[in-house]
Amino acid sequence: MDNLVSILKMPALNHDVKNKILRYVQDWASAFEGKPGLSYVGEVYKTLQREGQYHLHSSYSSSHEVRLR
């Protein structure tokens, strides 16, 4: 997860690559919700939201509606 976050913060990151990573993080956070051993994924997801990396239409939306900032 930390490696993916580092990639997301690269200034010249391709828009499509960034979008794909954000979608995976979102999906994983949803899939792992309620699983204590995997709670770090949800924490990373929430941190990325707070940092303004992306804004979702609804929390843990499975529709992949990610709006990049």
PDB file of N, CA and C in Angstrom:
ATOM      1  N   MET A   1       0.827  -1.191   0.000  1.00  0.00           N
ATOM      2  CA  MET A   1       0.000   0.000   0.000  1.00  0.00           C
ATOM      3  C   MET A   1       0.868   1.249   0.000  1.00  0.00           C
ATOM      4  N   ASP A   2       1.901   1.245   0.809  1.00  0.00           N
ATOM      5  CA  ASP A   2       2.751   2.429   0.888  1.00  0.00           C
ATOM      6  C   ASP A   2       3.433   2.707  -0.447  1.00  0.00           C
ATOM      7  N   ASN A   3       3.810   1.662  -1.158  1.00  0.00           N
ATOM      8  CA  ASN A   3       4.420   1.851  -2.474  1.00  0.00           C
ATOM      9  C   ASN A   3       3.425   2.472  -3.445  1.00  0.00           C
ATOM     10  N   LEU A   4       2.189   2.036  -3.389  1.00  0.00           N
ATOM     11  CA  LEU A   4       1.168   2.610  -4.267  1.00  0.00           C
ATOM     12  C   LEU A   4       0.926   4.083  -3.946  1.00  0.00           C
ATOM     13  N   VAL A   5       0.902   4.416  -2.672  1.00  0.00           N
ATOM     14  CA  VAL A   5       0.717   5.813  -2.269  1.00  0.00           C
ATOM     15  C   VAL A   5       1.882   6.657  -2.777  1.00  0.00           C
ATOM     16  N   SER A   6       3.090   6.133  -2.689  1.00  0.00           N
ATOM     17  CA  SER A   6       4.254   6.857  -3.199  1.00  0.00           C
ATOM     18  C   SER A   6       4.116   7.109  -4.697  1.00  0.00           C
ATOM     19  N   ILE A   7       3.645   6.122  -5.416  1.00  0.00           N
ATOM     20  CA  ILE A   7       3.445   6.282  -6.852  1.00  0.00           C
ATOM     21  C   ILE A   7       2.381   7.343  -7.120  1.00  0.00           C
ATOM     22  N   LEU A   8       1.307   7.326  -6.358  1.00  0.00           N
ATOM     23  CA  LEU A   8       0.234   8.305  -6.537  1.00  0.00           C
ATOM     24  C   LEU A   8       0.722   9.738  -6.382  1.00  0.00           C
ATOM     25  N   LYS A   9       1.731   9.928  -5.578  1.00  0.00           N
ATOM     26  CA  LYS A   9       2.224  11.280  -5.296  1.00  0.00           C
ATOM     27  C   LYS A   9       3.272  11.765  -6.285  1.00  0.00           C
ATOM     28  N   MET A  10       3.564  10.944  -7.284  1.00  0.00           N
ATOM     29  CA  MET A  10       4.516  11.355  -8.318  1.00  0.00           C
ATOM     30  C   MET A  10       3.865  12.428  -9.193  1.00  0.00           C
ATOM     31  N   PRO A  11       4.514  13.583  -9.345  1.00  0.00           N
ATOM     32  CA  PRO A  11       3.906  14.679 -10.103  1.00  0.00           C
ATOM     33  C   PRO A  11       3.603  14.339 -11.567  1.00  0.00           C
ATOM     34  N   ALA A  12       4.424  13.548 -12.202  1.00  0.00           N
ATOM     35  CA  ALA A  12       4.244  13.263 -13.626  1.00  0.00           C
ATOM     36  C   ALA A  12       3.501  11.952 -13.874  1.00  0.00           C
ATOM     37  N   LEU A  13       2.792  11.458 -12.880  1.00  0.00           N
ATOM     38  CA  LEU A  13       2.094  10.185 -13.027  1.00  0.00           C
ATOM     39  C   LEU A  13       0.995  10.285 -14.084  1.00  0.00           C
ATOM     40  N   ASN A  14       0.948   9.323 -14.945  1.00  0.00           N
ATOM     41  CA  ASN A  14      -0.066   9.242 -15.983  1.00  0.00           C
ATOM     42  C   ASN A  14      -1.450   9.229 -15.341  1.00  0.00           C
ATOM     43  N   HIS A  15      -2.355  10.017 -15.900  1.00  0.00           N
ATOM     44  CA  HIS A  15      -3.712  10.146 -15.358  1.00  0.00           C
ATOM     45  C   HIS A  15      -4.431   8.794 -15.278  1.00  0.00           C
ATOM     46  N   ASP A  16      -4.304   7.974 -16.314  1.00  0.00           N
ATOM     47  CA  ASP A  16      -4.973   6.668 -16.337  1.00  0.00           C
ATOM     48  C   ASP A  16      -4.419   5.730 -15.268  1.00  0.00           C
ATOM     49  N   VAL A  17      -3.110   5.777 -15.052  1.00  0.00           N
ATOM     50  CA  VAL A  17      -2.477   4.943 -14.033  1.00  0.00           C
ATOM     51  C   VAL A  17      -2.960   5.378 -12.643  1.00  0.00           C
ATOM     52  N   LYS A  18      -2.995   6.692 -12.417  1.00  0.00           N
ATOM     53  CA  LYS A  18      -3.459   7.207 -11.129  1.00  0.00           C
ATOM     54  C   LYS A  18      -4.902   6.778 -10.867  1.00  0.00           C
ATOM     55  N   ASN A  19      -5.739   6.908 -11.869  1.00  0.00           N
ATOM     56  CA  ASN A  19      -7.139   6.532 -11.727  1.00  0.00           C
ATOM     57  C   ASN A  19      -7.281   5.050 -11.399  1.00  0.00           C
ATOM     58  N   LYS A  20      -6.499   4.215 -12.064  1.00  0.00           N
ATOM     59  CA  LYS A  20      -6.564   2.771 -11.824  1.00  0.00           C
ATOM     60  C   LYS A  20      -6.142   2.433 -10.392  1.00  0.00           C
ATOM     61  N   ILE A  21      -5.055   3.037  -9.924  1.00  0.00           N
ATOM     62  CA  ILE A  21      -4.593   2.790  -8.547  1.00  0.00           C
ATOM     63  C   ILE A  21      -5.662   3.220  -7.555  1.00  0.00           C
ATOM     64  N   LEU A  22      -6.242   4.394  -7.756  1.00  0.00           N
ATOM     65  CA  LEU A  22      -7.270   4.883  -6.843  1.00  0.00           C
ATOM     66  C   LEU A  22      -8.489   3.958  -6.826  1.00  0.00           C
ATOM     67  N   ARG A  23      -8.838   3.439  -7.980  1.00  0.00           N
ATOM     68  CA  ARG A  23      -9.966   2.495  -8.029  1.00  0.00           C
ATOM     69  C   ARG A  23      -9.649   1.211  -7.258  1.00  0.00           C
ATOM     70  N   TYR A  24      -8.435   0.711  -7.415  1.00  0.00           N
ATOM     71  CA  TYR A  24      -8.050  -0.490  -6.667  1.00  0.00           C
ATOM     72  C   TYR A  24      -8.085  -0.235  -5.162  1.00  0.00           C
ATOM     73  N   VAL A  25      -7.534   0.868  -4.736  1.00  0.00           N
ATOM     74  CA  VAL A  25      -7.531   1.186  -3.300  1.00  0.00           C
ATOM     75  C   VAL A  25      -8.964   1.271  -2.789  1.00  0.00           C
ATOM     76  N   GLN A  26      -9.825   1.915  -3.552  1.00  0.00           N
ATOM     77  CA  GLN A  26     -11.227   2.025  -3.169  1.00  0.00           C
ATOM     78  C   GLN A  26     -11.881   0.648  -3.070  1.00  0.00           C
ATOM     79  N   ASP A  27     -11.682  -0.174  -4.077  1.00  0.00           N
ATOM     80  CA  ASP A  27     -12.278  -1.514  -4.082  1.00  0.00           C
ATOM     81  C   ASP A  27     -11.751  -2.374  -2.944  1.00  0.00           C
ATOM     82  N   TRP A  28     -10.445  -2.308  -2.725  1.00  0.00           N
ATOM     83  CA  TRP A  28      -9.852  -3.104  -1.643  1.00  0.00           C
ATOM     84  C   TRP A  28     -10.362  -2.647  -0.283  1.00  0.00           C
ATOM     85  N   ALA A  29     -10.483  -1.345  -0.099  1.00  0.00           N
ATOM     86  CA  ALA A  29     -10.991  -0.832   1.174  1.00  0.00           C
ATOM     87  C   ALA A  29     -12.396  -1.363   1.428  1.00  0.00           C
ATOM     88  N   SER A  30     -13.197  -1.387   0.401  1.00  0.00           N
ATOM     89  CA  SER A  30     -14.558  -1.906   0.534  1.00  0.00           C
ATOM     90  C   SER A  30     -14.558  -3.407   0.825  1.00  0.00           C
ATOM     91  N   ALA A  31     -13.751  -4.143   0.075  1.00  0.00           N
ATOM     92  CA  ALA A  31     -13.704  -5.601   0.237  1.00  0.00           C
ATOM     93  C   ALA A  31     -13.166  -6.026   1.597  1.00  0.00           C
ATOM     94  N   PHE A  32     -12.245  -5.241   2.135  1.00  0.00           N
ATOM     95  CA  PHE A  32     -11.591  -5.621   3.388  1.00  0.00           C
ATOM     96  C   PHE A  32     -12.232  -4.984   4.619  1.00  0.00           C
ATOM     97  N   GLU A  33     -13.305  -4.242   4.418  1.00  0.00           N
ATOM     98  CA  GLU A  33     -13.981  -3.597   5.541  1.00  0.00           C
ATOM     99  C   GLU A  33     -14.441  -4.656   6.547  1.00  0.00           C
ATOM    100  N   GLY A  34     -14.143  -4.415   7.818  1.00  0.00           N
ATOM    101  CA  GLY A  34     -14.537  -5.341   8.865  1.00  0.00           C
ATOM    102  C   GLY A  34     -13.556  -6.477   9.086  1.00  0.00           C
ATOM    103  N   LYS A  35     -12.446  -6.467   8.373  1.00  0.00           N
ATOM    104  CA  LYS A  35     -11.421  -7.502   8.538  1.00  0.00           C
ATOM    105  C   LYS A  35     -10.219  -6.851   9.219  1.00  0.00           C
ATOM    106  N   PRO A  36     -10.097  -7.061  10.524  1.00  0.00           N
ATOM    107  CA  PRO A  36      -9.073  -6.362  11.310  1.00  0.00           C
ATOM    108  C   PRO A  36      -7.649  -6.478  10.762  1.00  0.00           C
ATOM    109  N   GLY A  37      -7.296  -7.616  10.224  1.00  0.00           N
ATOM    110  CA  GLY A  37      -5.943  -7.797   9.718  1.00  0.00           C
ATOM    111  C   GLY A  37      -5.651  -6.989   8.458  1.00  0.00           C
ATOM    112  N   LEU A  38      -6.705  -6.472   7.843  1.00  0.00           N
ATOM    113  CA  LEU A  38      -6.537  -5.719   6.606  1.00  0.00           C
ATOM    114  C   LEU A  38      -7.036  -4.275   6.735  1.00  0.00           C
ATOM    115  N   SER A  39      -7.183  -3.808   7.960  1.00  0.00           N
ATOM    116  CA  SER A  39      -7.739  -2.472   8.192  1.00  0.00           C
ATOM    117  C   SER A  39      -6.842  -1.352   7.676  1.00  0.00           C
ATOM    118  N   TYR A  40      -5.566  -1.633   7.472  1.00  0.00           N
ATOM    119  CA  TYR A  40      -4.644  -0.608   6.987  1.00  0.00           C
ATOM    120  C   TYR A  40      -5.081  -0.086   5.614  1.00  0.00           C
ATOM    121  N   VAL A  41      -5.656  -0.942   4.805  1.00  0.00           N
ATOM    122  CA  VAL A  41      -6.117  -0.526   3.476  1.00  0.00           C
ATOM    123  C   VAL A  41      -7.188   0.553   3.616  1.00  0.00           C
ATOM    124  N   GLY A  42      -8.124   0.365   4.506  1.00  0.00           N
ATOM    125  CA  GLY A  42      -9.161   1.370   4.754  1.00  0.00           C
ATOM    126  C   GLY A  42      -8.584   2.664   5.307  1.00  0.00           C
ATOM    127  N   GLU A  43      -7.566   2.543   6.147  1.00  0.00           N
ATOM    128  CA  GLU A  43      -6.916   3.740   6.681  1.00  0.00           C
ATOM    129  C   GLU A  43      -6.234   4.528   5.571  1.00  0.00           C
ATOM    130  N   VAL A  44      -5.572   3.833   4.668  1.00  0.00           N
ATOM    131  CA  VAL A  44      -4.915   4.496   3.537  1.00  0.00           C
ATOM    132  C   VAL A  44      -5.962   5.173   2.666  1.00  0.00           C
ATOM    133  N   TYR A  45      -7.046   4.489   2.395  1.00  0.00           N
ATOM    134  CA  TYR A  45      -8.141   5.039   1.594  1.00  0.00           C
ATOM    135  C   TYR A  45      -8.649   6.346   2.205  1.00  0.00           C
ATOM    136  N   LYS A  46      -8.914   6.338   3.497  1.00  0.00           N
ATOM    137  CA  LYS A  46      -9.423   7.532   4.171  1.00  0.00           C
ATOM    138  C   LYS A  46      -8.396   8.660   4.164  1.00  0.00           C
ATOM    139  N   THR A  47      -7.130   8.316   4.320  1.00  0.00           N
ATOM    140  CA  THR A  47      -6.071   9.316   4.270  1.00  0.00           C
ATOM    141  C   THR A  47      -6.010   9.971   2.893  1.00  0.00           C
ATOM    142  N   LEU A  48      -6.101   9.166   1.853  1.00  0.00           N
ATOM    143  CA  LEU A  48      -6.088   9.714   0.496  1.00  0.00           C
ATOM    144  C   LEU A  48      -7.276  10.643   0.270  1.00  0.00           C
ATOM    145  N   GLN A  49      -8.415  10.299   0.813  1.00  0.00           N
ATOM    146  CA  GLN A  49      -9.584  11.178   0.705  1.00  0.00           C
ATOM    147  C   GLN A  49      -9.322  12.499   1.408  1.00  0.00           C
ATOM    148  N   ARG A  50      -8.792  12.433   2.626  1.00  0.00           N
ATOM    149  CA  ARG A  50      -8.507  13.651   3.387  1.00  0.00           C
ATOM    150  C   ARG A  50      -7.491  14.533   2.678  1.00  0.00           C
ATOM    151  N   GLU A  51      -6.539  13.908   2.013  1.00  0.00           N
ATOM    152  CA  GLU A  51      -5.500  14.652   1.308  1.00  0.00           C
ATOM    153  C   GLU A  51      -5.998  15.217  -0.019  1.00  0.00           C
ATOM    154  N   GLY A  52      -7.215  14.876  -0.387  1.00  0.00           N
ATOM    155  CA  GLY A  52      -7.783  15.409  -1.615  1.00  0.00           C
ATOM    156  C   GLY A  52      -7.315  14.709  -2.869  1.00  0.00           C
ATOM    157  N   GLN A  53      -6.817  13.483  -2.736  1.00  0.00           N
ATOM    158  CA  GLN A  53      -6.383  12.731  -3.915  1.00  0.00           C
ATOM    159  C   GLN A  53      -7.555  12.446  -4.842  1.00  0.00           C
ATOM    160  N   TYR A  54      -8.714  12.207  -4.248  1.00  0.00           N
ATOM    161  CA  TYR A  54      -9.912  11.992  -5.048  1.00  0.00           C
ATOM    162  C   TYR A  54     -11.130  12.151  -4.173  1.00  0.00           C
ATOM    163  N   HIS A  55     -12.228  12.362  -4.839  1.00  0.00           N
ATOM    164  CA  HIS A  55     -13.500  12.530  -4.144  1.00  0.00           C
ATOM    165  C   HIS A  55     -14.474  11.502  -4.704  1.00  0.00           C
ATOM    166  N   LEU A  56     -15.069  10.734  -3.836  1.00  0.00           N
ATOM    167  CA  LEU A  56     -16.011   9.694  -4.258  1.00  0.00           C
ATOM    168  C   LEU A  56     -17.437  10.188  -4.085  1.00  0.00           C
ATOM    169  N   HIS A  57     -18.306   9.694  -4.949  1.00  0.00           N
ATOM    170  CA  HIS A  57     -19.718  10.052  -4.848  1.00  0.00           C
ATOM    171  C   HIS A  57     -20.326   9.497  -3.567  1.00  0.00           C
ATOM    172  N   SER A  58     -19.861   8.322  -3.143  1.00  0.00           N
ATOM    173  CA  SER A  58     -20.314   7.745  -1.885  1.00  0.00           C
ATOM    174  C   SER A  58     -19.196   6.875  -1.336  1.00  0.00           C
ATOM    175  N   SER A  59     -19.182   6.712  -0.048  1.00  0.00           N
ATOM    176  CA  SER A  59     -18.121   5.948   0.597  1.00  0.00           C
ATOM    177  C   SER A  59     -18.129   4.502   0.129  1.00  0.00           C
ATOM    178  N   TYR A  60     -16.956   4.022  -0.261  1.00  0.00           N
ATOM    179  CA  TYR A  60     -16.774   2.644  -0.706  1.00  0.00           C
ATOM    180  C   TYR A  60     -17.731   2.264  -1.826  1.00  0.00           C
ATOM    181  N   SER A  61     -17.979   3.198  -2.724  1.00  0.00           N
ATOM    182  CA  SER A  61     -18.867   2.946  -3.857  1.00  0.00           C
ATOM    183  C   SER A  61     -18.272   1.884  -4.771  1.00  0.00           C
ATOM    184  N   SER A  62     -19.063   0.935  -5.159  1.00  0.00           N
ATOM    185  CA  SER A  62     -18.573  -0.106  -6.055  1.00  0.00           C
ATOM    186  C   SER A  62     -18.735   0.289  -7.511  1.00  0.00           C
ATOM    187  N   SER A  63     -19.256   1.465  -7.755  1.00  0.00           N
ATOM    188  CA  SER A  63     -19.518   1.877  -9.125  1.00  0.00           C
ATOM    189  C   SER A  63     -18.287   2.474  -9.803  1.00  0.00           C
ATOM    190  N   HIS A  64     -17.188   2.576  -9.104  1.00  0.00           N
ATOM    191  CA  HIS A  64     -15.942   3.111  -9.651  1.00  0.00           C
ATOM    192  C   HIS A  64     -16.065   4.577 -10.049  1.00  0.00           C
ATOM    193  N   GLU A  65     -16.947   5.313  -9.407  1.00  0.00           N
ATOM    194  CA  GLU A  65     -17.106   6.713  -9.751  1.00  0.00           C
ATOM    195  C   GLU A  65     -16.097   7.527  -8.964  1.00  0.00           C
ATOM    196  N   VAL A  66     -14.911   7.614  -9.502  1.00  0.00           N
ATOM    197  CA  VAL A  66     -13.836   8.345  -8.877  1.00  0.00           C
ATOM    198  C   VAL A  66     -13.613   9.629  -9.650  1.00  0.00           C
ATOM    199  N   ARG A  67     -13.614  10.731  -8.957  1.00  0.00           N
ATOM    200  CA  ARG A  67     -13.300  12.004  -9.595  1.00  0.00           C
ATOM    201  C   ARG A  67     -11.930  12.439  -9.098  1.00  0.00           C
ATOM    202  N   LEU A  68     -10.999  12.537  -9.993  1.00  0.00           N
ATOM    203  CA  LEU A  68      -9.652  12.938  -9.637  1.00  0.00           C
ATOM    204  C   LEU A  68      -9.592  14.426  -9.383  1.00  0.00           C
ATOM    205  N   ARG A  69      -8.675  14.810  -8.535  1.00  0.00           N
ATOM    206  CA  ARG A  69      -8.459  16.228  -8.267  1.00  0.00           C
ATOM    207  C   ARG A  69      -7.148  16.639  -8.842  1.00  0.00           C
TER     208      ARG A  69
END
